[in-house]
C-alpha cells in the first residue's frame, strides 16, 4: 500500500500529514483535544478503497506551532485559518476535488473549507459535528473552559470532561481507552487549547451553507452525544439537497472508537458513492 509522510512548513507552523492508498482523495480531520490517531481504526478500511489524507492540526500531534505562530497567528485563530491548512495540502499535493470528513471541531473546519473553497470539494461528512453556531449557553461554557485551562492546564480539564464524550455502555466497558485519550492531552500547550476554544466559540453558523452545497452531505450522529446533540443533527440533515443521516445507537461523541466497524461502514459507504 502506498504511504507518504510529509511535513509542510510555513512561518506559523509545521503541518504533519500522511497520504495512504490510492484513488479519490478523502481528508480525515480530527477534533479538539485530539490528533490524527483518533482515526486509527479507520485507516485500514478506508485506505483500501480511496486515498486518505490524515493530518495533525497545528499544535496537535506532530504539527508544531512556531514562535512566530504563537505571536502572530494563534491569538486571532479562526476556523477559516485551520481550513487553510487543508487547502495548503490540497494545493501542494494536487488533491482536488476532495471529500472532507470532519469529527467535531474537524467538522467546523470542513464547513469553513467548503464555504471558501467549494471548487476543491466533492462532498462533506460531519462526524458527530454540527453546522450550528454556539448558543449563548455554550459560549459561556467555552469561556469558563478557557479560564480553567489558563489556571489549571488542558489536561486537568480533560480529566473531568473526556469521559462524558462517550456513551454510557462504552465508558463502563472500556475505561482504559478513555484514560488513554485523557493521558494524550498532556501533550497540548495550553495556549493552543485556549485559541482553539475561542475559535470554536466565535465561529459562524453554517446552516445556510448546507442548503447550497452542490454535493451530498453525510451526518453521523450518536443519540448519547452531549457535544453534538442528536436533535440538532437530525434537524440539520433536512437542510441539504441531498443528505445521508447515519445514527449509531448507544454511541456518544466518539463513534470512531466506540463502534469502529459500524463507523467504517458508514464512512466507506459514503465514499463509495463517488467511485
C-alpha atoms as a PDB file:
ATOM      1  CA  UNK A   1       0.000   0.000   0.000  1.00  0.00           C
ATOM      2  CA  UNK A   2       1.233   3.467  -0.890  1.00  0.00           C
ATOM      3  CA  UNK A   3       2.105   5.559   2.196  1.00  0.00           C
ATOM      4  CA  UNK A   4       3.579   9.058   2.123  1.00  0.00           C
ATOM      5  CA  UNK A   5       4.522  11.048   5.225  1.00  0.00           C
ATOM      6  CA  UNK A   6       5.129  14.776   4.768  1.00  0.00           C
ATOM      7  CA  UNK A   7       5.849  17.938   6.716  1.00  0.00           C
ATOM      8  CA  UNK A   8       4.614  21.202   5.232  1.00  0.00           C
ATOM      9  CA  UNK A   9       6.438  24.167   6.755  1.00  0.00           C
ATOM     10  CA  UNK A  10       5.061  27.703   6.975  1.00  0.00           C
ATOM     11  CA  UNK A  11       6.215  30.687   9.059  1.00  0.00           C
ATOM     12  CA  UNK A  12       3.466  29.900  11.582  1.00  0.00           C
ATOM     13  CA  UNK A  13       3.502  26.112  11.877  1.00  0.00           C
ATOM     14  CA  UNK A  14       4.843  22.828  10.535  1.00  0.00           C
ATOM     15  CA  UNK A  15       1.979  20.683   9.282  1.00  0.00           C
ATOM     16  CA  UNK A  16       2.430  16.913   9.556  1.00  0.00           C
ATOM     17  CA  UNK A  17       0.260  14.639   7.402  1.00  0.00           C
ATOM     18  CA  UNK A  18       0.111  11.190   5.850  1.00  0.00           C
ATOM     19  CA  UNK A  19      -1.308  10.122   2.497  1.00  0.00           C
ATOM     20  CA  UNK A  20      -2.301   6.454   2.388  1.00  0.00           C
ATOM     21  CA  UNK A  21      -3.755   4.479  -0.503  1.00  0.00           C
ATOM     22  CA  UNK A  22      -4.822   5.489  -3.994  1.00  0.00           C
ATOM     23  CA  UNK A  23      -7.898   6.894  -5.681  1.00  0.00           C
ATOM     24  CA  UNK A  24     -10.391   9.520  -4.551  1.00  0.00           C
ATOM     25  CA  UNK A  25      -8.747  11.924  -2.025  1.00  0.00           C
ATOM     26  CA  UNK A  26     -10.510  11.855   1.357  1.00  0.00           C
ATOM     27  CA  UNK A  27      -9.380  14.054   4.247  1.00  0.00           C
ATOM     28  CA  UNK A  28      -9.946  12.830   7.812  1.00  0.00           C
ATOM     29  CA  UNK A  29      -9.970  15.915  10.037  1.00  0.00           C
ATOM     30  CA  UNK A  30      -9.688  15.364  13.785  1.00  0.00           C
ATOM     31  CA  UNK A  31     -11.348  17.376  16.520  1.00  0.00           C
ATOM     32  CA  UNK A  32     -10.496  19.365  19.635  1.00  0.00           C
ATOM     33  CA  UNK A  33      -8.123  17.775  22.129  1.00  0.00           C
ATOM     34  CA  UNK A  34      -7.277  15.067  19.593  1.00  0.00           C
ATOM     35  CA  UNK A  35      -4.765  14.352  16.870  1.00  0.00           C
ATOM     36  CA  UNK A  36      -4.807  12.150  13.788  1.00  0.00           C
ATOM     37  CA  UNK A  37      -4.581   8.987  15.899  1.00  0.00           C
ATOM     38  CA  UNK A  38      -8.293   9.322  16.624  1.00  0.00           C
ATOM     39  CA  UNK A  39      -8.831   7.761  13.165  1.00  0.00           C
ATOM     40  CA  UNK A  40      -6.591   4.731  13.809  1.00  0.00           C
ATOM     41  CA  UNK A  41      -9.433   2.215  13.404  1.00  0.00           C
ATOM     42  CA  UNK A  42     -10.500   3.737  10.086  1.00  0.00           C
ATOM     43  CA  UNK A  43      -7.163   3.723   8.266  1.00  0.00           C
ATOM     44  CA  UNK A  44      -7.082   0.135   7.018  1.00  0.00           C
ATOM     45  CA  UNK A  45     -10.679   0.030   5.811  1.00  0.00           C
ATOM     46  CA  UNK A  46     -10.785   3.422   4.131  1.00  0.00           C
ATOM     47  CA  UNK A  47      -7.334   3.306   2.532  1.00  0.00           C
ATOM     48  CA  UNK A  48      -8.346   0.086   0.785  1.00  0.00           C
ATOM     49  CA  UNK A  49     -10.963   1.963  -1.260  1.00  0.00           C
ATOM     50  CA  UNK A  50      -9.577   5.504  -1.591  1.00  0.00           C
ATOM     51  CA  UNK A  51      -6.655   7.802  -0.859  1.00  0.00           C
ATOM     52  CA  UNK A  52      -6.899   9.101   2.692  1.00  0.00           C
ATOM     53  CA  UNK A  53      -5.124  12.177   3.981  1.00  0.00           C
ATOM     54  CA  UNK A  54      -4.726  12.292   7.752  1.00  0.00           C
ATOM     55  CA  UNK A  55      -3.286  15.470   9.226  1.00  0.00           C
ATOM     56  CA  UNK A  56      -2.388  16.766  12.649  1.00  0.00           C
ATOM     57  CA  UNK A  57      -3.762  20.279  13.044  1.00  0.00           C
ATOM     58  CA  UNK A  58      -1.195  22.866  14.238  1.00  0.00           C
ATOM     59  CA  UNK A  59      -0.326  22.306  17.877  1.00  0.00           C
ATOM     60  CA  UNK A  60      -1.669  18.731  17.748  1.00  0.00           C
ATOM     61  CA  UNK A  61       0.291  15.506  17.343  1.00  0.00           C
ATOM     62  CA  UNK A  62       3.378  16.058  15.194  1.00  0.00           C
ATOM     63  CA  UNK A  63       2.328  19.510  13.923  1.00  0.00           C
ATOM     64  CA  UNK A  64       4.042  22.279  15.873  1.00  0.00           C
ATOM     65  CA  UNK A  65       3.272  25.979  16.130  1.00  0.00           C
ATOM     66  CA  UNK A  66       6.356  28.148  15.604  1.00  0.00           C
ATOM     67  CA  UNK A  67       7.309  31.089  17.864  1.00  0.00           C
ATOM     68  CA  UNK A  68       6.066  33.418  15.114  1.00  0.00           C
ATOM     69  CA  UNK A  69       2.841  31.416  15.024  1.00  0.00           C
ATOM     70  CA  UNK A  70       2.322  31.788  18.761  1.00  0.00           C
ATOM     71  CA  UNK A  71       2.915  35.531  18.461  1.00  0.00           C
ATOM     72  CA  UNK A  72       1.041  36.390  15.261  1.00  0.00           C
ATOM     73  CA  UNK A  73      -1.208  33.510  14.139  1.00  0.00           C
ATOM     74  CA  UNK A  74      -2.624  31.807  17.212  1.00  0.00           C
ATOM     75  CA  UNK A  75      -4.082  34.864  19.021  1.00  0.00           C
ATOM     76  CA  UNK A  76      -6.596  35.534  16.212  1.00  0.00           C
ATOM     77  CA  UNK A  77      -7.150  31.920  15.210  1.00  0.00           C
ATOM     78  CA  UNK A  78     -10.362  31.063  13.336  1.00  0.00           C
ATOM     79  CA  UNK A  79     -11.913  28.003  11.738  1.00  0.00           C
ATOM     80  CA  UNK A  80     -11.004  29.600   8.411  1.00  0.00           C
ATOM     81  CA  UNK A  81      -7.323  29.663   9.410  1.00  0.00           C
ATOM     82  CA  UNK A  82      -7.480  25.954  10.183  1.00  0.00           C
ATOM     83  CA  UNK A  83      -9.319  25.281   6.918  1.00  0.00           C
ATOM     84  CA  UNK A  84      -6.382  26.936   5.189  1.00  0.00           C
ATOM     85  CA  UNK A  85      -4.188  24.100   6.490  1.00  0.00           C
ATOM     86  CA  UNK A  86      -6.268  21.681   4.438  1.00  0.00           C
ATOM     87  CA  UNK A  87      -6.185  23.993   1.449  1.00  0.00           C
ATOM     88  CA  UNK A  88      -2.381  24.126   1.610  1.00  0.00           C
ATOM     89  CA  UNK A  89      -2.178  20.335   1.448  1.00  0.00           C
ATOM     90  CA  UNK A  90      -4.725  20.219  -1.391  1.00  0.00           C
ATOM     91  CA  UNK A  91      -2.598  22.717  -3.327  1.00  0.00           C
ATOM     92  CA  UNK A  92       0.803  21.134  -2.653  1.00  0.00           C
ATOM     93  CA  UNK A  93      -0.358  17.558  -3.313  1.00  0.00           C
ATOM     94  CA  UNK A  94      -2.867  18.336  -6.109  1.00  0.00           C
ATOM     95  CA  UNK A  95      -5.748  16.607  -4.314  1.00  0.00           C
ATOM     96  CA  UNK A  96      -8.763  18.433  -5.732  1.00  0.00           C
ATOM     97  CA  UNK A  97     -11.640  17.762  -5.595  1.00  0.00           C
ATOM     98  CA  UNK A  98     -11.583  16.088  -2.195  1.00  0.00           C
ATOM     99  CA  UNK A  99     -14.077  14.599   0.218  1.00  0.00           C
ATOM    100  CA  UNK A 100     -13.760  16.037   3.736  1.00  0.00           C
ATOM    101  CA  UNK A 101     -14.834  14.006   6.759  1.00  0.00           C
ATOM    102  CA  UNK A 102     -14.527  16.043   9.952  1.00  0.00           C
ATOM    103  CA  UNK A 103     -15.020  14.936  13.544  1.00  0.00           C
ATOM    104  CA  UNK A 104     -16.443  17.522  15.967  1.00  0.00           C
ATOM    105  CA  UNK A 105     -14.227  20.625  15.556  1.00  0.00           C
ATOM    106  CA  UNK A 106     -12.910  18.954  12.410  1.00  0.00           C
ATOM    107  CA  UNK A 107     -16.432  19.304  11.055  1.00  0.00           C
ATOM    108  CA  UNK A 108     -16.413  23.035  11.781  1.00  0.00           C
ATOM    109  CA  UNK A 109     -13.124  23.291   9.892  1.00  0.00           C
ATOM    110  CA  UNK A 110     -14.500  21.252   6.992  1.00  0.00           C
ATOM    111  CA  UNK A 111     -17.514  23.556   6.760  1.00  0.00           C
ATOM    112  CA  UNK A 112     -15.209  26.598   6.643  1.00  0.00           C
ATOM    113  CA  UNK A 113     -13.264  24.903   3.847  1.00  0.00           C
ATOM    114  CA  UNK A 114     -16.494  24.183   1.982  1.00  0.00           C
ATOM    115  CA  UNK A 115     -17.528  27.833   2.174  1.00  0.00           C
ATOM    116  CA  UNK A 116     -14.212  29.261   0.976  1.00  0.00           C
ATOM    117  CA  UNK A 117     -13.036  26.530  -1.415  1.00  0.00           C
ATOM    118  CA  UNK A 118     -16.171  24.952  -2.934  1.00  0.00           C
ATOM    119  CA  UNK A 119     -14.357  24.144  -6.178  1.00  0.00           C
ATOM    120  CA  UNK A 120     -11.996  21.868  -4.264  1.00  0.00           C
ATOM    121  CA  UNK A 121     -14.789  19.970  -2.514  1.00  0.00           C
ATOM    122  CA  UNK A 122     -16.582  16.902  -3.843  1.00  0.00           C
ATOM    123  CA  UNK A 123     -18.568  16.003  -0.704  1.00  0.00           C
ATOM    124  CA  UNK A 124     -18.703  16.676   3.017  1.00  0.00           C
ATOM    125  CA  UNK A 125     -19.141  14.480   6.077  1.00  0.00           C
ATOM    126  CA  UNK A 126     -19.955  15.807   9.551  1.00  0.00           C
ATOM    127  CA  UNK A 127     -18.993  13.131  12.068  1.00  0.00           C
ATOM    128  CA  UNK A 128     -20.517  13.975  15.452  1.00  0.00           C
ATOM    129  CA  UNK A 129     -20.409  17.615  14.385  1.00  0.00           C
ATOM    130  CA  UNK A 130     -22.785  20.478  13.764  1.00  0.00           C
ATOM    131  CA  UNK A 131     -23.254  23.393  11.389  1.00  0.00           C
ATOM    132  CA  UNK A 132     -24.985  25.423  14.090  1.00  0.00           C
ATOM    133  CA  UNK A 133     -23.072  28.177  15.858  1.00  0.00           C
ATOM    134  CA  UNK A 134     -22.644  28.024  19.618  1.00  0.00           C
ATOM    135  CA  UNK A 135     -25.643  29.011  21.671  1.00  0.00           C
ATOM    136  CA  UNK A 136     -25.225  31.687  24.340  1.00  0.00           C
ATOM    137  CA  UNK A 137     -25.110  28.925  26.934  1.00  0.00           C
ATOM    138  CA  UNK A 138     -22.413  27.040  25.017  1.00  0.00           C
ATOM    139  CA  UNK A 139     -20.346  30.198  24.619  1.00  0.00           C
ATOM    140  CA  UNK A 140     -20.497  30.705  28.371  1.00  0.00           C
ATOM    141  CA  UNK A 141     -19.219  27.165  28.896  1.00  0.00           C
ATOM    142  CA  UNK A 142     -16.371  27.754  26.459  1.00  0.00           C
ATOM    143  CA  UNK A 143     -15.366  30.974  28.248  1.00  0.00           C
ATOM    144  CA  UNK A 144     -15.222  29.080  31.530  1.00  0.00           C
ATOM    145  CA  UNK A 145     -13.132  26.382  29.836  1.00  0.00           C
ATOM    146  CA  UNK A 146     -10.640  28.995  28.634  1.00  0.00           C
ATOM    147  CA  UNK A 147     -10.333  30.366  32.158  1.00  0.00           C
ATOM    148  CA  UNK A 148      -9.940  26.869  33.591  1.00  0.00           C
ATOM    149  CA  UNK A 149      -7.246  25.940  31.067  1.00  0.00           C
ATOM    150  CA  UNK A 150      -5.399  29.192  31.772  1.00  0.00           C
ATOM    151  CA  UNK A 151      -5.373  28.461  35.503  1.00  0.00           C
ATOM    152  CA  UNK A 152      -5.025  24.665  35.554  1.00  0.00           C
ATOM    153  CA  UNK A 153      -3.906  23.440  32.129  1.00  0.00           C
ATOM    154  CA  UNK A 154      -5.743  21.464  29.484  1.00  0.00           C
ATOM    155  CA  UNK A 155      -5.053  18.047  30.968  1.00  0.00           C
ATOM    156  CA  UNK A 156      -6.909  18.992  34.146  1.00  0.00           C
ATOM    157  CA  UNK A 157      -9.943  19.969  32.070  1.00  0.00           C
ATOM    158  CA  UNK A 158      -9.970  16.765  30.032  1.00  0.00           C
ATOM    159  CA  UNK A 159      -9.672  14.623  33.157  1.00  0.00           C
ATOM    160  CA  UNK A 160     -13.164  15.761  34.110  1.00  0.00           C
ATOM    161  CA  UNK A 161     -14.791  16.193  30.688  1.00  0.00           C
ATOM    162  CA  UNK A 162     -13.428  13.482  28.368  1.00  0.00           C
ATOM    163  CA  UNK A 163     -15.389  10.619  29.924  1.00  0.00           C
ATOM    164  CA  UNK A 164     -18.675  12.399  29.182  1.00  0.00           C
ATOM    165  CA  UNK A 165     -17.972  12.281  25.446  1.00  0.00           C
ATOM    166  CA  UNK A 166     -18.542   8.527  25.376  1.00  0.00           C
ATOM    167  CA  UNK A 167     -21.797   6.593  25.551  1.00  0.00           C
ATOM    168  CA  UNK A 168     -22.549   5.081  28.947  1.00  0.00           C
ATOM    169  CA  UNK A 169     -22.069   1.438  27.933  1.00  0.00           C
ATOM    170  CA  UNK A 170     -18.679   2.086  26.319  1.00  0.00           C
ATOM    171  CA  UNK A 171     -17.220   4.175  29.102  1.00  0.00           C
ATOM    172  CA  UNK A 172     -18.182   1.484  31.596  1.00  0.00           C
ATOM    173  CA  UNK A 173     -16.804  -1.329  29.421  1.00  0.00           C
ATOM    174  CA  UNK A 174     -13.576   0.330  28.263  1.00  0.00           C
ATOM    175  CA  UNK A 175     -12.371   2.895  30.817  1.00  0.00           C
ATOM    176  CA  UNK A 176      -8.782   2.258  29.716  1.00  0.00           C
ATOM    177  CA  UNK A 177      -9.495   3.727  26.273  1.00  0.00           C
ATOM    178  CA  UNK A 178     -10.975   6.849  27.827  1.00  0.00           C
ATOM    179  CA  UNK A 179      -7.949   7.137  30.101  1.00  0.00           C
ATOM    180  CA  UNK A 180      -5.590   6.735  27.141  1.00  0.00           C
ATOM    181  CA  UNK A 181      -7.174   9.729  25.445  1.00  0.00           C
ATOM    182  CA  UNK A 182      -7.010  11.756  28.647  1.00  0.00           C
ATOM    183  CA  UNK A 183      -3.300  10.975  29.053  1.00  0.00           C
ATOM    184  CA  UNK A 184      -2.623  12.025  25.457  1.00  0.00           C
ATOM    185  CA  UNK A 185      -3.902  15.538  26.226  1.00  0.00           C
ATOM    186  CA  UNK A 186      -0.839  16.174  28.397  1.00  0.00           C
ATOM    187  CA  UNK A 187       0.993  16.956  25.147  1.00  0.00           C
ATOM    188  CA  UNK A 188      -1.127  20.025  24.371  1.00  0.00           C
ATOM    189  CA  UNK A 189       0.138  23.526  25.007  1.00  0.00           C
ATOM    190  CA  UNK A 190      -2.495  25.435  26.956  1.00  0.00           C
ATOM    191  CA  UNK A 191      -2.184  28.386  24.578  1.00  0.00           C
ATOM    192  CA  UNK A 192      -3.192  26.143  21.680  1.00  0.00           C
ATOM    193  CA  UNK A 193      -6.226  24.771  23.506  1.00  0.00           C
ATOM    194  CA  UNK A 194      -7.371  28.233  24.558  1.00  0.00           C
ATOM    195  CA  UNK A 195      -7.040  29.527  20.990  1.00  0.00           C
ATOM    196  CA  UNK A 196      -8.981  26.550  19.602  1.00  0.00           C
ATOM    197  CA  UNK A 197     -11.713  27.042  22.191  1.00  0.00           C
ATOM    198  CA  UNK A 198     -12.031  30.731  21.357  1.00  0.00           C
ATOM    199  CA  UNK A 199     -12.139  29.965  17.623  1.00  0.00           C
ATOM    200  CA  UNK A 200     -14.951  27.437  18.114  1.00  0.00           C
ATOM    201  CA  UNK A 201     -16.870  29.916  20.236  1.00  0.00           C
ATOM    202  CA  UNK A 202     -16.613  32.632  17.581  1.00  0.00           C
ATOM    203  CA  UNK A 203     -17.379  30.515  14.508  1.00  0.00           C
ATOM    204  CA  UNK A 204     -20.330  31.480  12.337  1.00  0.00           C
ATOM    205  CA  UNK A 205     -23.477  29.464  11.767  1.00  0.00           C
ATOM    206  CA  UNK A 206     -23.114  27.430   8.572  1.00  0.00           C
ATOM    207  CA  UNK A 207     -26.708  26.224   8.177  1.00  0.00           C
ATOM    208  CA  UNK A 208     -27.192  28.250   5.021  1.00  0.00           C
ATOM    209  CA  UNK A 209     -24.078  26.662   3.533  1.00  0.00           C
ATOM    210  CA  UNK A 210     -25.624  23.199   3.889  1.00  0.00           C
ATOM    211  CA  UNK A 211     -28.515  24.358   1.750  1.00  0.00           C
ATOM    212  CA  UNK A 212     -26.286  25.472  -1.116  1.00  0.00           C
ATOM    213  CA  UNK A 213     -23.648  22.754  -1.239  1.00  0.00           C
ATOM    214  CA  UNK A 214     -23.754  21.080  -4.666  1.00  0.00           C
ATOM    215  CA  UNK A 215     -22.599  17.706  -3.332  1.00  0.00           C
ATOM    216  CA  UNK A 216     -24.187  15.403  -0.755  1.00  0.00           C
ATOM    217  CA  UNK A 217     -23.586  15.683   2.980  1.00  0.00           C
ATOM    218  CA  UNK A 218     -23.116  12.813   5.399  1.00  0.00           C
ATOM    219  CA  UNK A 219     -24.222  13.207   9.011  1.00  0.00           C
ATOM    220  CA  UNK A 220     -23.054  10.643  11.576  1.00  0.00           C
ATOM    221  CA  UNK A 221     -24.787  11.016  14.923  1.00  0.00           C
ATOM    222  CA  UNK A 222     -24.845   9.343  18.324  1.00  0.00           C
ATOM    223  CA  UNK A 223     -28.027   9.535  20.433  1.00  0.00           C
ATOM    224  CA  UNK A 224     -25.864   9.764  23.584  1.00  0.00           C
ATOM    225  CA  UNK A 225     -23.755  12.612  22.210  1.00  0.00           C
ATOM    226  CA  UNK A 226     -23.810  15.630  24.542  1.00  0.00           C
ATOM    227  CA  UNK A 227     -21.370  17.685  22.439  1.00  0.00           C
ATOM    228  CA  UNK A 228     -23.262  17.425  19.123  1.00  0.00           C
ATOM    229  CA  UNK A 229     -26.827  16.605  20.234  1.00  0.00           C
ATOM    230  CA  UNK A 230     -28.762  14.174  18.074  1.00  0.00           C
ATOM    231  CA  UNK A 231     -31.743  16.528  17.835  1.00  0.00           C
ATOM    232  CA  UNK A 232     -29.505  19.183  16.262  1.00  0.00           C
ATOM    233  CA  UNK A 233     -28.019  16.730  13.770  1.00  0.00           C
ATOM    234  CA  UNK A 234     -31.433  15.339  12.856  1.00  0.00           C
ATOM    235  CA  UNK A 235     -32.667  18.865  12.147  1.00  0.00           C
ATOM    236  CA  UNK A 236     -29.632  19.744  10.035  1.00  0.00           C
ATOM    237  CA  UNK A 237     -29.922  16.580   7.955  1.00  0.00           C
ATOM    238  CA  UNK A 238     -33.116  18.009   6.417  1.00  0.00           C
ATOM    239  CA  UNK A 239     -31.321  21.089   5.054  1.00  0.00           C
ATOM    240  CA  UNK A 240     -29.063  19.880   2.183  1.00  0.00           C
ATOM    241  CA  UNK A 241     -30.497  18.982  -1.204  1.00  0.00           C
ATOM    242  CA  UNK A 242     -29.066  15.504  -0.696  1.00  0.00           C
ATOM    243  CA  UNK A 243     -28.024  14.160   2.680  1.00  0.00           C
ATOM    244  CA  UNK A 244     -27.408  10.883   4.469  1.00  0.00           C
ATOM    245  CA  UNK A 245     -28.078  10.529   8.185  1.00  0.00           C
ATOM    246  CA  UNK A 246     -26.440   7.603   9.951  1.00  0.00           C
ATOM    247  CA  UNK A 247     -27.464   7.012  13.568  1.00  0.00           C
ATOM    248  CA  UNK A 248     -25.117   4.984  15.761  1.00  0.00           C
ATOM    249  CA  UNK A 249     -27.265   3.589  18.552  1.00  0.00           C
ATOM    250  CA  UNK A 250     -25.748   3.579  22.037  1.00  0.00           C
ATOM    251  CA  UNK A 251     -22.898   5.841  20.913  1.00  0.00           C
ATOM    252  CA  UNK A 252     -21.834   9.233  22.229  1.00  0.00           C
ATOM    253  CA  UNK A 253     -19.415  11.649  20.585  1.00  0.00           C
ATOM    254  CA  UNK A 254     -16.616   9.232  19.759  1.00  0.00           C
ATOM    255  CA  UNK A 255     -18.050   6.705  17.323  1.00  0.00           C
ATOM    256  CA  UNK A 256     -14.646   6.100  15.709  1.00  0.00           C
ATOM    257  CA  UNK A 257     -13.581   4.425  18.950  1.00  0.00           C
ATOM    258  CA  UNK A 258     -16.914   3.311  20.403  1.00  0.00           C
ATOM    259  CA  UNK A 259     -18.120   1.375  17.348  1.00  0.00           C
ATOM    260  CA  UNK A 260     -15.298   1.414  14.757  1.00  0.00           C
ATOM    261  CA  UNK A 261     -16.720  -1.292  12.479  1.00  0.00           C
ATOM    262  CA  UNK A 262     -20.051   0.489  12.215  1.00  0.00           C
ATOM    263  CA  UNK A 263     -18.320   3.827  11.649  1.00  0.00           C
ATOM    264  CA  UNK A 264     -16.231   2.257   8.898  1.00  0.00           C
ATOM    265  CA  UNK A 265     -19.379   1.006   7.158  1.00  0.00           C
ATOM    266  CA  UNK A 266     -20.939   4.453   7.238  1.00  0.00           C
ATOM    267  CA  UNK A 267     -17.829   6.282   6.001  1.00  0.00           C
ATOM    268  CA  UNK A 268     -16.865   3.744   3.338  1.00  0.00           C
ATOM    269  CA  UNK A 269     -20.451   3.556   2.088  1.00  0.00           C
ATOM    270  CA  UNK A 270     -20.486   7.321   1.630  1.00  0.00           C
ATOM    271  CA  UNK A 271     -17.103   7.382  -0.102  1.00  0.00           C
ATOM    272  CA  UNK A 272     -18.157   4.603  -2.487  1.00  0.00           C
ATOM    273  CA  UNK A 273     -20.954   6.811  -3.809  1.00  0.00           C
ATOM    274  CA  UNK A 274     -18.215   8.638  -5.732  1.00  0.00           C
ATOM    275  CA  UNK A 275     -16.393   5.650  -7.184  1.00  0.00           C
END
